[in-house]
Amino acid sequence: MIKLIITDENMEYMNGSEAIECVRKMEKSGSIKHVNIISCTCHSDELTLKKILDAGSQLIIPKPADKATLEEAMRNLNII
C-alpha cells in the first residue's frame, strides 16, 4: 500500500497538479485507496499554490526541501 506521494509541480511529462488529479480520480473510482500527497514547488504565487491545493494536494512544501521540513510534513499527515 502506498502511504505517500511526493510531487514536484515542474515535472517534465506531467506537472504535479495533473498527476495529483489523476491519483484523486483513481481514488474516486475505487481502483486505489486514499494516498497522502505532498507537493514540492519553487513557486510562491497564490495562483499556483491554489491550483496545487485544488488538485488535491494536502500539503505544499517549498523547494529545496530539507529533511526536517519533509519529516514535519509527514508528521502532520500522521505518516510517521
PDB file of N, CA and C in Angstrom:
ATOM      1  N   MET A   1       0.842  -1.186   0.000  1.00  0.00           N
ATOM      2  CA  MET A   1       0.000   0.000   0.000  1.00  0.00           C
ATOM      3  C   MET A   1       0.886   1.248   0.000  1.00  0.00           C
ATOM      4  N   ILE A   2       0.567   2.166  -0.844  1.00  0.00           N
ATOM      5  CA  ILE A   2       1.312   3.422  -0.924  1.00  0.00           C
ATOM      6  C   ILE A   2       0.772   4.360   0.152  1.00  0.00           C
ATOM      7  N   LYS A   3       1.668   4.899   0.970  1.00  0.00           N
ATOM      8  CA  LYS A   3       1.262   5.809   2.041  1.00  0.00           C
ATOM      9  C   LYS A   3       1.473   7.265   1.672  1.00  0.00           C
ATOM     10  N   LEU A   4       2.388   7.528   0.734  1.00  0.00           N
ATOM     11  CA  LEU A   4       2.735   8.914   0.436  1.00  0.00           C
ATOM     12  C   LEU A   4       3.247   9.043  -0.989  1.00  0.00           C
ATOM     13  N   ILE A   5       2.807  10.101  -1.652  1.00  0.00           N
ATOM     14  CA  ILE A   5       3.355  10.506  -2.941  1.00  0.00           C
ATOM     15  C   ILE A   5       3.875  11.922  -2.760  1.00  0.00           C
ATOM     16  N   ILE A   6       5.080  12.150  -3.233  1.00  0.00           N
ATOM     17  CA  ILE A   6       5.654  13.496  -3.233  1.00  0.00           C
ATOM     18  C   ILE A   6       5.769  13.934  -4.681  1.00  0.00           C
ATOM     19  N   THR A   7       5.126  15.032  -5.015  1.00  0.00           N
ATOM     20  CA  THR A   7       5.163  15.523  -6.388  1.00  0.00           C
ATOM     21  C   THR A   7       5.985  16.801  -6.473  1.00  0.00           C
ATOM     22  N   ASP A   8       6.336  17.122  -7.690  1.00  0.00           N
ATOM     23  CA  ASP A   8       7.013  18.382  -7.999  1.00  0.00           C
ATOM     24  C   ASP A   8       6.149  19.060  -9.055  1.00  0.00           C
ATOM     25  N   GLU A   9       5.837  20.300  -8.862  1.00  0.00           N
ATOM     26  CA  GLU A   9       4.972  20.989  -9.812  1.00  0.00           C
ATOM     27  C   GLU A   9       5.626  21.102 -11.189  1.00  0.00           C
ATOM     28  N   ASN A  10       6.942  21.081 -11.247  1.00  0.00           N
ATOM     29  CA  ASN A  10       7.657  21.247 -12.515  1.00  0.00           C
ATOM     30  C   ASN A  10       8.231  19.934 -13.034  1.00  0.00           C
ATOM     31  N   MET A  11       7.380  18.943 -13.215  1.00  0.00           N
ATOM     32  CA  MET A  11       7.843  17.684 -13.791  1.00  0.00           C
ATOM     33  C   MET A  11       7.733  17.777 -15.313  1.00  0.00           C
ATOM     34  N   GLU A  12       8.515  16.988 -15.998  1.00  0.00           N
ATOM     35  CA  GLU A  12       8.621  17.112 -17.452  1.00  0.00           C
ATOM     36  C   GLU A  12       7.389  16.629 -18.212  1.00  0.00           C
ATOM     37  N   TYR A  13       6.971  15.398 -17.993  1.00  0.00           N
ATOM     38  CA  TYR A  13       5.875  14.823 -18.779  1.00  0.00           C
ATOM     39  C   TYR A  13       4.509  15.357 -18.351  1.00  0.00           C
ATOM     40  N   MET A  14       4.308  15.449 -17.054  1.00  0.00           N
ATOM     41  CA  MET A  14       3.031  15.871 -16.486  1.00  0.00           C
ATOM     42  C   MET A  14       3.351  16.677 -15.236  1.00  0.00           C
ATOM     43  N   ASN A  15       2.746  17.852 -15.078  1.00  0.00           N
ATOM     44  CA  ASN A  15       3.072  18.629 -13.874  1.00  0.00           C
ATOM     45  C   ASN A  15       2.421  18.002 -12.643  1.00  0.00           C
ATOM     46  N   GLY A  16       2.847  18.448 -11.489  1.00  0.00           N
ATOM     47  CA  GLY A  16       2.380  17.867 -10.242  1.00  0.00           C
ATOM     48  C   GLY A  16       0.872  17.926 -10.071  1.00  0.00           C
ATOM     49  N   SER A  17       0.273  19.037 -10.448  1.00  0.00           N
ATOM     50  CA  SER A  17      -1.183  19.186 -10.309  1.00  0.00           C
ATOM     51  C   SER A  17      -1.923  18.165 -11.162  1.00  0.00           C
ATOM     52  N   GLU A  18      -1.439  17.946 -12.370  1.00  0.00           N
ATOM     53  CA  GLU A  18      -2.070  16.953 -13.248  1.00  0.00           C
ATOM     54  C   GLU A  18      -1.914  15.544 -12.672  1.00  0.00           C
ATOM     55  N   ALA A  19      -0.747  15.259 -12.136  1.00  0.00           N
ATOM     56  CA  ALA A  19      -0.519  13.941 -11.529  1.00  0.00           C
ATOM     57  C   ALA A  19      -1.440  13.729 -10.326  1.00  0.00           C
ATOM     58  N   ILE A  20      -1.588  14.768  -9.513  1.00  0.00           N
ATOM     59  CA  ILE A  20      -2.463  14.681  -8.336  1.00  0.00           C
ATOM     60  C   ILE A  20      -3.904  14.429  -8.768  1.00  0.00           C
ATOM     61  N   GLU A  21      -4.357  15.140  -9.790  1.00  0.00           N
ATOM     62  CA  GLU A  21      -5.724  14.940 -10.281  1.00  0.00           C
ATOM     63  C   GLU A  21      -5.938  13.496 -10.736  1.00  0.00           C
ATOM     64  N   CYS A  22      -4.939  12.904 -11.386  1.00  0.00           N
ATOM     65  CA  CYS A  22      -5.039  11.503 -11.815  1.00  0.00           C
ATOM     66  C   CYS A  22      -5.170  10.570 -10.615  1.00  0.00           C
ATOM     67  N   VAL A  23      -4.372  10.811  -9.593  1.00  0.00           N
ATOM     68  CA  VAL A  23      -4.434   9.979  -8.379  1.00  0.00           C
ATOM     69  C   VAL A  23      -5.806  10.110  -7.726  1.00  0.00           C
ATOM     70  N   ARG A  24      -6.287  11.336  -7.593  1.00  0.00           N
ATOM     71  CA  ARG A  24      -7.584  11.541  -6.931  1.00  0.00           C
ATOM     72  C   ARG A  24      -8.721  10.902  -7.731  1.00  0.00           C
ATOM     73  N   LYS A  25      -8.641  10.919  -9.069  1.00  0.00           N
ATOM     74  CA  LYS A  25      -9.655  10.246  -9.897  1.00  0.00           C
ATOM     75  C   LYS A  25      -9.622   8.743  -9.671  1.00  0.00           C
ATOM     76  N   MET A  26      -8.423   8.184  -9.531  1.00  0.00           N
ATOM     77  CA  MET A  26      -8.297   6.749  -9.262  1.00  0.00           C
ATOM     78  C   MET A  26      -8.909   6.405  -7.909  1.00  0.00           C
ATOM     79  N   GLU A  27      -8.729   7.285  -6.935  1.00  0.00           N
ATOM     80  CA  GLU A  27      -9.344   7.061  -5.622  1.00  0.00           C
ATOM     81  C   GLU A  27     -10.862   7.061  -5.727  1.00  0.00           C
ATOM     82  N   LYS A  28     -11.399   8.046  -6.447  1.00  0.00           N
ATOM     83  CA  LYS A  28     -12.859   8.156  -6.587  1.00  0.00           C
ATOM     84  C   LYS A  28     -13.453   6.955  -7.305  1.00  0.00           C
ATOM     85  N   SER A  29     -12.696   6.396  -8.249  1.00  0.00           N
ATOM     86  CA  SER A  29     -13.201   5.241  -8.999  1.00  0.00           C
ATOM     87  C   SER A  29     -13.104   3.958  -8.184  1.00  0.00           C
ATOM     88  N   GLY A  30     -12.370   4.016  -7.067  1.00  0.00           N
ATOM     89  CA  GLY A  30     -12.225   2.843  -6.217  1.00  0.00           C
ATOM     90  C   GLY A  30     -11.067   1.941  -6.612  1.00  0.00           C
ATOM     91  N   SER A  31     -10.277   2.347  -7.599  1.00  0.00           N
ATOM     92  CA  SER A  31      -9.169   1.486  -8.032  1.00  0.00           C
ATOM     93  C   SER A  31      -7.981   1.537  -7.069  1.00  0.00           C
ATOM     94  N   ILE A  32      -7.895   2.603  -6.261  1.00  0.00           N
ATOM     95  CA  ILE A  32      -6.875   2.674  -5.215  1.00  0.00           C
ATOM     96  C   ILE A  32      -7.496   3.295  -3.966  1.00  0.00           C
ATOM     97  N   LYS A  33      -6.856   3.047  -2.835  1.00  0.00           N
ATOM     98  CA  LYS A  33      -7.277   3.673  -1.582  1.00  0.00           C
ATOM     99  C   LYS A  33      -6.657   5.057  -1.489  1.00  0.00           C
ATOM    100  N   HIS A  34      -7.108   5.827  -0.514  1.00  0.00           N
ATOM    101  CA  HIS A  34      -6.600   7.185  -0.322  1.00  0.00           C
ATOM    102  C   HIS A  34      -5.082   7.187  -0.152  1.00  0.00           C
ATOM    103  N   VAL A  35      -4.435   8.127  -0.810  1.00  0.00           N
ATOM    104  CA  VAL A  35      -2.987   8.302  -0.729  1.00  0.00           C
ATOM    105  C   VAL A  35      -2.701   9.732  -0.282  1.00  0.00           C
ATOM    106  N   ASN A  36      -1.829   9.893   0.697  1.00  0.00           N
ATOM    107  CA  ASN A  36      -1.391  11.225   1.110  1.00  0.00           C
ATOM    108  C   ASN A  36      -0.481  11.804   0.031  1.00  0.00           C
ATOM    109  N   ILE A  37      -0.643  13.094  -0.257  1.00  0.00           N
ATOM    110  CA  ILE A  37       0.173  13.745  -1.281  1.00  0.00           C
ATOM    111  C   ILE A  37       0.758  15.034  -0.733  1.00  0.00           C
ATOM    112  N   ILE A  38       2.076  15.148  -0.858  1.00  0.00           N
ATOM    113  CA  ILE A  38       2.801  16.369  -0.518  1.00  0.00           C
ATOM    114  C   ILE A  38       3.383  16.903  -1.815  1.00  0.00           C
ATOM    115  N   SER A  39       3.197  18.185  -2.062  1.00  0.00           N
ATOM    116  CA  SER A  39       3.728  18.810  -3.271  1.00  0.00           C
ATOM    117  C   SER A  39       4.912  19.700  -2.943  1.00  0.00           C
ATOM    118  N   CYS A  40       5.933  19.586  -3.755  1.00  0.00           N
ATOM    119  CA  CYS A  40       7.096  20.470  -3.659  1.00  0.00           C
ATOM    120  C   CYS A  40       7.028  21.455  -4.818  1.00  0.00           C
ATOM    121  N   THR A  41       7.344  22.704  -4.544  1.00  0.00           N
ATOM    122  CA  THR A  41       7.359  23.692  -5.612  1.00  0.00           C
ATOM    123  C   THR A  41       8.266  24.850  -5.237  1.00  0.00           C
ATOM    124  N   CYS A  42       8.832  25.467  -6.251  1.00  0.00           N
ATOM    125  CA  CYS A  42       9.617  26.681  -6.026  1.00  0.00           C
ATOM    126  C   CYS A  42       8.741  27.910  -6.249  1.00  0.00           C
ATOM    127  N   HIS A  43       7.509  27.684  -6.714  1.00  0.00           N
ATOM    128  CA  HIS A  43       6.574  28.789  -6.963  1.00  0.00           C
ATOM    129  C   HIS A  43       5.928  29.225  -5.653  1.00  0.00           C
ATOM    130  N   SER A  44       5.724  30.512  -5.508  1.00  0.00           N
ATOM    131  CA  SER A  44       5.060  31.001  -4.305  1.00  0.00           C
ATOM    132  C   SER A  44       3.861  31.889  -4.630  1.00  0.00           C
ATOM    133  N   ASP A  45       3.544  32.006  -5.918  1.00  0.00           N
ATOM    134  CA  ASP A  45       2.403  32.846  -6.276  1.00  0.00           C
ATOM    135  C   ASP A  45       1.103  32.139  -5.897  1.00  0.00           C
ATOM    136  N   GLU A  46       0.133  32.921  -5.488  1.00  0.00           N
ATOM    137  CA  GLU A  46      -1.124  32.379  -4.978  1.00  0.00           C
ATOM    138  C   GLU A  46      -1.856  31.516  -5.995  1.00  0.00           C
ATOM    139  N   LEU A  47      -1.791  31.877  -7.263  1.00  0.00           N
ATOM    140  CA  LEU A  47      -2.494  31.124  -8.305  1.00  0.00           C
ATOM    141  C   LEU A  47      -1.955  29.691  -8.405  1.00  0.00           C
ATOM    142  N   THR A  48      -0.642  29.549  -8.413  1.00  0.00           N
ATOM    143  CA  THR A  48      -0.039  28.213  -8.499  1.00  0.00           C
ATOM    144  C   THR A  48      -0.335  27.405  -7.239  1.00  0.00           C
ATOM    145  N   LEU A  49      -0.196  28.019  -6.086  1.00  0.00           N
ATOM    146  CA  LEU A  49      -0.464  27.312  -4.833  1.00  0.00           C
ATOM    147  C   LEU A  49      -1.921  26.864  -4.755  1.00  0.00           C
ATOM    148  N   LYS A  50      -2.835  27.703  -5.194  1.00  0.00           N
ATOM    149  CA  LYS A  50      -4.259  27.351  -5.211  1.00  0.00           C
ATOM    150  C   LYS A  50      -4.504  26.188  -6.167  1.00  0.00           C
ATOM    151  N   LYS A  51      -3.865  26.225  -7.332  1.00  0.00           N
ATOM    152  CA  LYS A  51      -4.017  25.150  -8.315  1.00  0.00           C
ATOM    153  C   LYS A  51      -3.576  23.808  -7.723  1.00  0.00           C
ATOM    154  N   ILE A  52      -2.464  23.819  -7.004  1.00  0.00           N
ATOM    155  CA  ILE A  52      -1.947  22.595  -6.395  1.00  0.00           C
ATOM    156  C   ILE A  52      -2.913  22.071  -5.334  1.00  0.00           C
ATOM    157  N   LEU A  53      -3.396  22.947  -4.474  1.00  0.00           N
ATOM    158  CA  LEU A  53      -4.334  22.537  -3.424  1.00  0.00           C
ATOM    159  C   LEU A  53      -5.671  22.088  -4.010  1.00  0.00           C
ATOM    160  N   ASP A  54      -6.150  22.802  -5.034  1.00  0.00           N
ATOM    161  CA  ASP A  54      -7.411  22.424  -5.674  1.00  0.00           C
ATOM    162  C   ASP A  54      -7.315  21.059  -6.349  1.00  0.00           C
ATOM    163  N   ALA A  55      -6.128  20.703  -6.807  1.00  0.00           N
ATOM    164  CA  ALA A  55      -5.931  19.396  -7.442  1.00  0.00           C
ATOM    165  C   ALA A  55      -6.047  18.270  -6.415  1.00  0.00           C
ATOM    166  N   GLY A  56      -5.779  18.594  -5.144  1.00  0.00           N
ATOM    167  CA  GLY A  56      -5.934  17.584  -4.099  1.00  0.00           C
ATOM    168  C   GLY A  56      -4.704  17.334  -3.259  1.00  0.00           C
ATOM    169  N   SER A  57      -3.681  18.174  -3.403  1.00  0.00           N
ATOM    170  CA  SER A  57      -2.515  18.032  -2.539  1.00  0.00           C
ATOM    171  C   SER A  57      -2.904  18.421  -1.119  1.00  0.00           C
ATOM    172  N   GLN A  58      -2.360  17.702  -0.158  1.00  0.00           N
ATOM    173  CA  GLN A  58      -2.686  18.006   1.230  1.00  0.00           C
ATOM    174  C   GLN A  58      -1.748  19.039   1.827  1.00  0.00           C
ATOM    175  N   LEU A  59      -0.519  19.029   1.377  1.00  0.00           N
ATOM    176  CA  LEU A  59       0.474  19.981   1.875  1.00  0.00           C
ATOM    177  C   LEU A  59       1.372  20.432   0.736  1.00  0.00           C
ATOM    178  N   ILE A  60       1.879  21.652   0.864  1.00  0.00           N
ATOM    179  CA  ILE A  60       2.858  22.171  -0.085  1.00  0.00           C
ATOM    180  C   ILE A  60       4.096  22.560   0.709  1.00  0.00           C
ATOM    181  N   ILE A  61       5.248  22.093   0.253  1.00  0.00           N
ATOM    182  CA  ILE A  61       6.500  22.496   0.885  1.00  0.00           C
ATOM    183  C   ILE A  61       7.390  23.140  -0.175  1.00  0.00           C
ATOM    184  N   PRO A  62       8.136  24.168   0.229  1.00  0.00           N
ATOM    185  CA  PRO A  62       8.975  24.877  -0.748  1.00  0.00           C
ATOM    186  C   PRO A  62      10.226  24.090  -1.099  1.00  0.00           C
ATOM    187  N   LYS A  63      10.669  24.280  -2.340  1.00  0.00           N
ATOM    188  CA  LYS A  63      11.938  23.695  -2.776  1.00  0.00           C
ATOM    189  C   LYS A  63      13.033  24.732  -2.567  1.00  0.00           C
ATOM    190  N   PRO A  64      14.221  24.326  -2.254  1.00  0.00           N
ATOM    191  CA  PRO A  64      14.587  22.945  -1.958  1.00  0.00           C
ATOM    192  C   PRO A  64      14.113  22.571  -0.566  1.00  0.00           C
ATOM    193  N   ALA A  65      13.551  21.383  -0.446  1.00  0.00           N
ATOM    194  CA  ALA A  65      13.043  20.911   0.834  1.00  0.00           C
ATOM    195  C   ALA A  65      14.137  20.136   1.564  1.00  0.00           C
ATOM    196  N   ASP A  66      14.303  20.446   2.821  1.00  0.00           N
ATOM    197  CA  ASP A  66      15.295  19.703   3.603  1.00  0.00           C
ATOM    198  C   ASP A  66      14.606  18.571   4.364  1.00  0.00           C
ATOM    199  N   LYS A  67      15.403  17.718   4.955  1.00  0.00           N
ATOM    200  CA  LYS A  67      14.903  16.542   5.651  1.00  0.00           C
ATOM    201  C   LYS A  67      13.943  16.920   6.780  1.00  0.00           C
ATOM    202  N   ALA A  68      14.280  17.944   7.541  1.00  0.00           N
ATOM    203  CA  ALA A  68      13.435  18.355   8.670  1.00  0.00           C
ATOM    204  C   ALA A  68      12.052  18.814   8.199  1.00  0.00           C
ATOM    205  N   THR A  69      12.007  19.556   7.103  1.00  0.00           N
ATOM    206  CA  THR A  69      10.732  20.031   6.562  1.00  0.00           C
ATOM    207  C   THR A  69       9.879  18.862   6.096  1.00  0.00           C
ATOM    208  N   LEU A  70      10.502  17.914   5.413  1.00  0.00           N
ATOM    209  CA  LEU A  70       9.775  16.752   4.937  1.00  0.00           C
ATOM    210  C   LEU A  70       9.276  15.899   6.105  1.00  0.00           C
ATOM    211  N   GLU A  71      10.099  15.710   7.112  1.00  0.00           N
ATOM    212  CA  GLU A  71       9.670  14.942   8.285  1.00  0.00           C
ATOM    213  C   GLU A  71       8.509  15.619   8.999  1.00  0.00           C
ATOM    214  N   GLU A  72       8.562  16.941   9.114  1.00  0.00           N
ATOM    215  CA  GLU A  72       7.463  17.670   9.755  1.00  0.00           C
ATOM    216  C   GLU A  72       6.175  17.506   8.958  1.00  0.00           C
ATOM    217  N   ALA A  73       6.263  17.606   7.651  1.00  0.00           N
ATOM    218  CA  ALA A  73       5.087  17.421   6.801  1.00  0.00           C
ATOM    219  C   ALA A  73       4.509  16.016   6.972  1.00  0.00           C
ATOM    220  N   MET A  74       5.380  15.021   7.035  1.00  0.00           N
ATOM    221  CA  MET A  74       4.922  13.652   7.215  1.00  0.00           C
ATOM    222  C   MET A  74       4.278  13.444   8.586  1.00  0.00           C
ATOM    223  N   ARG A  75       4.811  14.119   9.603  1.00  0.00           N
ATOM    224  CA  ARG A  75       4.189  14.052  10.929  1.00  0.00           C
ATOM    225  C   ARG A  75       2.806  14.690  10.905  1.00  0.00           C
ATOM    226  N   ASN A  76       2.677  15.811  10.205  1.00  0.00           N
ATOM    227  CA  ASN A  76       1.388  16.492  10.102  1.00  0.00           C
ATOM    228  C   ASN A  76       0.323  15.599   9.447  1.00  0.00           C
ATOM    229  N   LEU A  77       0.766  14.702   8.592  1.00  0.00           N
ATOM    230  CA  LEU A  77      -0.171  13.793   7.916  1.00  0.00           C
ATOM    231  C   LEU A  77      -0.261  12.439   8.643  1.00  0.00           C
ATOM    232  N   ASN A  78       0.373  12.350   9.803  1.00  0.00           N
ATOM    233  CA  ASN A  78       0.369  11.115  10.606  1.00  0.00           C
ATOM    234  C   ASN A  78       0.935   9.918   9.840  1.00  0.00           C
ATOM    235  N   ILE A  79       1.957  10.176   9.038  1.00  0.00           N
ATOM    236  CA  ILE A  79       2.624   9.107   8.304  1.00  0.00           C
ATOM    237  C   ILE A  79       3.750   8.525   9.146  1.00  0.00           C
ATOM    238  N   ILE A  80       4.412   9.395   9.907  1.00  0.00           N
ATOM    239  CA  ILE A  80       5.461   8.920  10.831  1.00  0.00           C
ATOM    240  C   ILE A  80       5.143   9.401  12.224  1.00  0.00           C
TER     241      ILE A  80
END
